[in-house]
C-alpha atoms as a PDB file:
ATOM      1  CA  UNK A   1      98.836 129.846  37.819  1.00  0.00           C
ATOM      2  CA  UNK A   2     101.538 127.815  36.066  1.00  0.00           C
ATOM      3  CA  UNK A   3     102.679 126.501  39.421  1.00  0.00           C
ATOM      4  CA  UNK A   4      99.188 125.252  40.298  1.00  0.00           C
ATOM      5  CA  UNK A   5      98.807 123.525  36.940  1.00  0.00           C
ATOM      6  CA  UNK A   6     102.187 121.829  37.209  1.00  0.00           C
ATOM      7  CA  UNK A   7     101.354 120.672  40.763  1.00  0.00           C
ATOM      8  CA  UNK A   8      98.049 119.222  39.568  1.00  0.00           C
ATOM      9  CA  UNK A   9      99.823 117.481  36.673  1.00  0.00           C
ATOM     10  CA  UNK A  10     102.417 115.916  38.996  1.00  0.00           C
ATOM     11  CA  UNK A  11      99.710 114.915  41.506  1.00  0.00           C
ATOM     12  CA  UNK A  12      97.697 113.224  38.760  1.00  0.00           C
ATOM     13  CA  UNK A  13     100.788 111.464  37.438  1.00  0.00           C
ATOM     14  CA  UNK A  14     101.693 110.002  40.824  1.00  0.00           C
ATOM     15  CA  UNK A  15      98.151 108.912  41.742  1.00  0.00           C
ATOM     16  CA  UNK A  16      97.547 107.098  38.432  1.00  0.00           C
ATOM     17  CA  UNK A  17     100.824 105.210  38.785  1.00  0.00           C
ATOM     18  CA  UNK A  18      99.672 103.899  42.154  1.00  0.00           C
ATOM     19  CA  UNK A  19      96.354 102.691  40.713  1.00  0.00           C
ATOM     20  CA  UNK A  20      97.861 100.686  37.887  1.00  0.00           C
ATOM     21  CA  UNK A  21     100.086  98.711  40.234  1.00  0.00           C
ATOM     22  CA  UNK A  22      97.196  97.232  42.268  1.00  0.00           C
ATOM     23  CA  UNK A  23      96.698  93.456  42.248  1.00  0.00           C
ATOM     24  CA  UNK A  24      93.397  91.567  41.907  1.00  0.00           C
ATOM     25  CA  UNK A  25      91.360  91.008  45.043  1.00  0.00           C
ATOM     26  CA  UNK A  26      89.926  87.559  45.707  1.00  0.00           C
ATOM     27  CA  UNK A  27      87.139  86.814  48.144  1.00  0.00           C
ATOM     28  CA  UNK A  28      86.410  83.305  49.372  1.00  0.00           C
ATOM     29  CA  UNK A  29      83.015  82.684  51.002  1.00  0.00           C
ATOM     30  CA  UNK A  30      82.550  80.992  54.333  1.00  0.00           C
ATOM     31  CA  UNK A  31      82.154  77.181  54.098  1.00  0.00           C
ATOM     32  CA  UNK A  32      78.576  77.299  55.414  1.00  0.00           C
ATOM     33  CA  UNK A  33      77.615  79.951  52.861  1.00  0.00           C
ATOM     34  CA  UNK A  34      79.209  77.945  50.047  1.00  0.00           C
ATOM     35  CA  UNK A  35      77.354  74.796  51.164  1.00  0.00           C
ATOM     36  CA  UNK A  36      74.053  76.675  51.282  1.00  0.00           C
ATOM     37  CA  UNK A  37      74.609  78.138  47.797  1.00  0.00           C
ATOM     38  CA  UNK A  38      75.380  74.683  46.396  1.00  0.00           C
ATOM     39  CA  UNK A  39      72.218  73.246  47.955  1.00  0.00           C
ATOM     40  CA  UNK A  40      70.197  76.136  46.496  1.00  0.00           C
ATOM     41  CA  UNK A  41      71.643  75.477  43.030  1.00  0.00           C
ATOM     42  CA  UNK A  42      70.885  71.746  43.224  1.00  0.00           C
ATOM     43  CA  UNK A  43      67.279  72.273  44.303  1.00  0.00           C
ATOM     44  CA  UNK A  44      66.591  74.872  41.627  1.00  0.00           C
ATOM     45  CA  UNK A  45      68.120  72.822  38.828  1.00  0.00           C
ATOM     46  CA  UNK A  46      66.249  69.712  39.986  1.00  0.00           C
ATOM     47  CA  UNK A  47      62.820  71.404  40.007  1.00  0.00           C
ATOM     48  CA  UNK A  48      61.823  71.866  36.409  1.00  0.00           C
ATOM     49  CA  UNK A  49      58.409  73.245  35.619  1.00  0.00           C
ATOM     50  CA  UNK A  50      56.367  72.480  32.571  1.00  0.00           C
ATOM     51  CA  UNK A  51      53.019  73.625  31.257  1.00  0.00           C
ATOM     52  CA  UNK A  52      50.285  71.338  32.480  1.00  0.00           C
ATOM     53  CA  UNK A  53      46.713  71.043  33.675  1.00  0.00           C
ATOM     54  CA  UNK A  54      44.946  70.936  37.030  1.00  0.00           C
ATOM     55  CA  UNK A  55      41.325  70.473  38.028  1.00  0.00           C
ATOM     56  CA  UNK A  56      39.867  73.426  39.874  1.00  0.00           C
ATOM     57  CA  UNK A  57      37.457  72.101  42.466  1.00  0.00           C
ATOM     58  CA  UNK A  58      36.400  75.317  44.159  1.00  0.00           C
ATOM     59  CA  UNK A  59      36.702  79.098  43.915  1.00  0.00           C
ATOM     60  CA  UNK A  60      35.446  80.989  46.949  1.00  0.00           C
ATOM     61  CA  UNK A  61      36.047  84.124  48.984  1.00  0.00           C
ATOM     62  CA  UNK A  62      35.449  82.179  52.222  1.00  0.00           C
ATOM     63  CA  UNK A  63      38.695  80.674  53.509  1.00  0.00           C
ATOM     64  CA  UNK A  64      36.918  78.474  56.062  1.00  0.00           C
ATOM     65  CA  UNK A  65      34.859  76.896  53.290  1.00  0.00           C
ATOM     66  CA  UNK A  66      38.036  76.317  51.289  1.00  0.00           C
ATOM     67  CA  UNK A  67      39.701  74.550  54.225  1.00  0.00           C
ATOM     68  CA  UNK A  68      36.606  72.442  54.827  1.00  0.00           C
ATOM     69  CA  UNK A  69      36.368  71.324  51.194  1.00  0.00           C
ATOM     70  CA  UNK A  70      40.118  70.671  51.104  1.00  0.00           C
ATOM     71  CA  UNK A  71      39.890  68.421  54.186  1.00  0.00           C
ATOM     72  CA  UNK A  72      36.923  66.566  52.660  1.00  0.00           C
ATOM     73  CA  UNK A  73      38.825  66.160  49.382  1.00  0.00           C
ATOM     74  CA  UNK A  74      41.932  64.765  51.112  1.00  0.00           C
ATOM     75  CA  UNK A  75      39.756  62.311  53.005  1.00  0.00           C
ATOM     76  CA  UNK A  76      37.984  61.062  49.869  1.00  0.00           C
ATOM     77  CA  UNK A  77      40.984  61.195  47.480  1.00  0.00           C
ATOM     78  CA  UNK A  78      44.171  60.680  49.508  1.00  0.00           C
ATOM     79  CA  UNK A  79      46.301  59.745  46.476  1.00  0.00           C
ATOM     80  CA  UNK A  80      45.513  62.948  44.537  1.00  0.00           C
ATOM     81  CA  UNK A  81      47.586  66.015  45.455  1.00  0.00           C
ATOM     82  CA  UNK A  82      45.485  69.075  46.211  1.00  0.00           C
ATOM     83  CA  UNK A  83      46.529  72.623  47.012  1.00  0.00           C
ATOM     84  CA  UNK A  84      45.096  76.107  46.901  1.00  0.00           C
ATOM     85  CA  UNK A  85      46.149  79.444  45.483  1.00  0.00           C
ATOM     86  CA  UNK A  86      44.969  82.888  46.498  1.00  0.00           C
ATOM     87  CA  UNK A  87      44.144  85.325  43.739  1.00  0.00           C
ATOM     88  CA  UNK A  88      42.403  88.211  45.469  1.00  0.00           C
ATOM     89  CA  UNK A  89      39.590  87.977  46.379  1.00  0.00           C
ATOM     90  CA  UNK A  90      39.297  84.248  45.560  1.00  0.00           C
ATOM     91  CA  UNK A  91      40.769  81.140  47.121  1.00  0.00           C
ATOM     92  CA  UNK A  92      41.052  78.464  44.449  1.00  0.00           C
ATOM     93  CA  UNK A  93      41.315  74.791  45.325  1.00  0.00           C
ATOM     94  CA  UNK A  94      43.136  72.823  42.617  1.00  0.00           C
ATOM     95  CA  UNK A  95      43.777  69.100  42.339  1.00  0.00           C
ATOM     96  CA  UNK A  96      46.119  66.928  40.329  1.00  0.00           C
ATOM     97  CA  UNK A  97      48.935  67.707  37.944  1.00  0.00           C
ATOM     98  CA  UNK A  98      48.573  66.514  34.381  1.00  0.00           C
ATOM     99  CA  UNK A  99      50.650  66.961  31.277  1.00  0.00           C
ATOM    100  CA  UNK A 100      47.725  66.786  28.851  1.00  0.00           C
ATOM    101  CA  UNK A 101      44.174  68.040  28.949  1.00  0.00           C
ATOM    102  CA  UNK A 102      42.848  64.552  28.188  1.00  0.00           C
ATOM    103  CA  UNK A 103      44.465  63.146  31.343  1.00  0.00           C
ATOM    104  CA  UNK A 104      42.904  65.913  33.431  1.00  0.00           C
ATOM    105  CA  UNK A 105      39.463  65.297  31.893  1.00  0.00           C
ATOM    106  CA  UNK A 106      39.276  61.902  33.642  1.00  0.00           C
ATOM    107  CA  UNK A 107      39.675  63.462  37.062  1.00  0.00           C
ATOM    108  CA  UNK A 108      37.296  66.297  36.168  1.00  0.00           C
ATOM    109  CA  UNK A 109      34.607  63.776  35.266  1.00  0.00           C
ATOM    110  CA  UNK A 110      35.098  61.877  38.539  1.00  0.00           C
ATOM    111  CA  UNK A 111      35.082  65.007  40.696  1.00  0.00           C
ATOM    112  CA  UNK A 112      32.169  66.562  38.807  1.00  0.00           C
ATOM    113  CA  UNK A 113      29.827  64.008  40.381  1.00  0.00           C
ATOM    114  CA  UNK A 114      30.729  65.209  43.882  1.00  0.00           C
ATOM    115  CA  UNK A 115      31.555  68.908  43.467  1.00  0.00           C
ATOM    116  CA  UNK A 116      29.673  71.630  41.576  1.00  0.00           C
ATOM    117  CA  UNK A 117      31.456  73.888  39.099  1.00  0.00           C
ATOM    118  CA  UNK A 118      34.563  71.756  38.532  1.00  0.00           C
ATOM    119  CA  UNK A 119      36.655  72.830  35.538  1.00  0.00           C
ATOM    120  CA  UNK A 120      40.141  72.525  34.061  1.00  0.00           C
ATOM    121  CA  UNK A 121      42.841  75.180  34.367  1.00  0.00           C
ATOM    122  CA  UNK A 122      46.240  75.527  32.727  1.00  0.00           C
ATOM    123  CA  UNK A 123      49.060  75.797  35.225  1.00  0.00           C
ATOM    124  CA  UNK A 124      52.789  75.368  35.551  1.00  0.00           C
ATOM    125  CA  UNK A 125      53.475  72.061  37.276  1.00  0.00           C
ATOM    126  CA  UNK A 126      56.651  70.506  38.575  1.00  0.00           C
ATOM    127  CA  UNK A 127      57.710  67.429  36.663  1.00  0.00           C
ATOM    128  CA  UNK A 128      57.971  65.582  39.977  1.00  0.00           C
ATOM    129  CA  UNK A 129      54.218  66.171  40.506  1.00  0.00           C
ATOM    130  CA  UNK A 130      53.434  64.589  37.146  1.00  0.00           C
ATOM    131  CA  UNK A 131      55.058  61.345  38.197  1.00  0.00           C
ATOM    132  CA  UNK A 132      52.709  60.918  41.157  1.00  0.00           C
ATOM    133  CA  UNK A 133      49.511  61.008  39.145  1.00  0.00           C
ATOM    134  CA  UNK A 134      47.598  57.946  37.915  1.00  0.00           C
END
């Protein structure tokens, strides 16, 4: 039994000495991967979101109706950005990107004459979107 214990002790002593003498490992990524990571970092730091307002033009379960209204909206208001979100079961068509509720009210009033059920919604908007509005 003593022989087994002394063998285990010597084995442990020799294996731990080998582990402490290891050097640090360095890994360098491929140039294409590094370039892609840098581009990803630049895009994500450039796109800052802020709390803002949009005008919801339509909420429907019919995607064809959504696409039809969106096409009509783009034809009538080409300078106003419009996009839709899908929150099951509804497709929601939203227009504009405003920093304050008062700014969004102007568009709501204008669109309310053409579309039924227009209302304001809080949303996170990119700061770059805010610059394109009125």
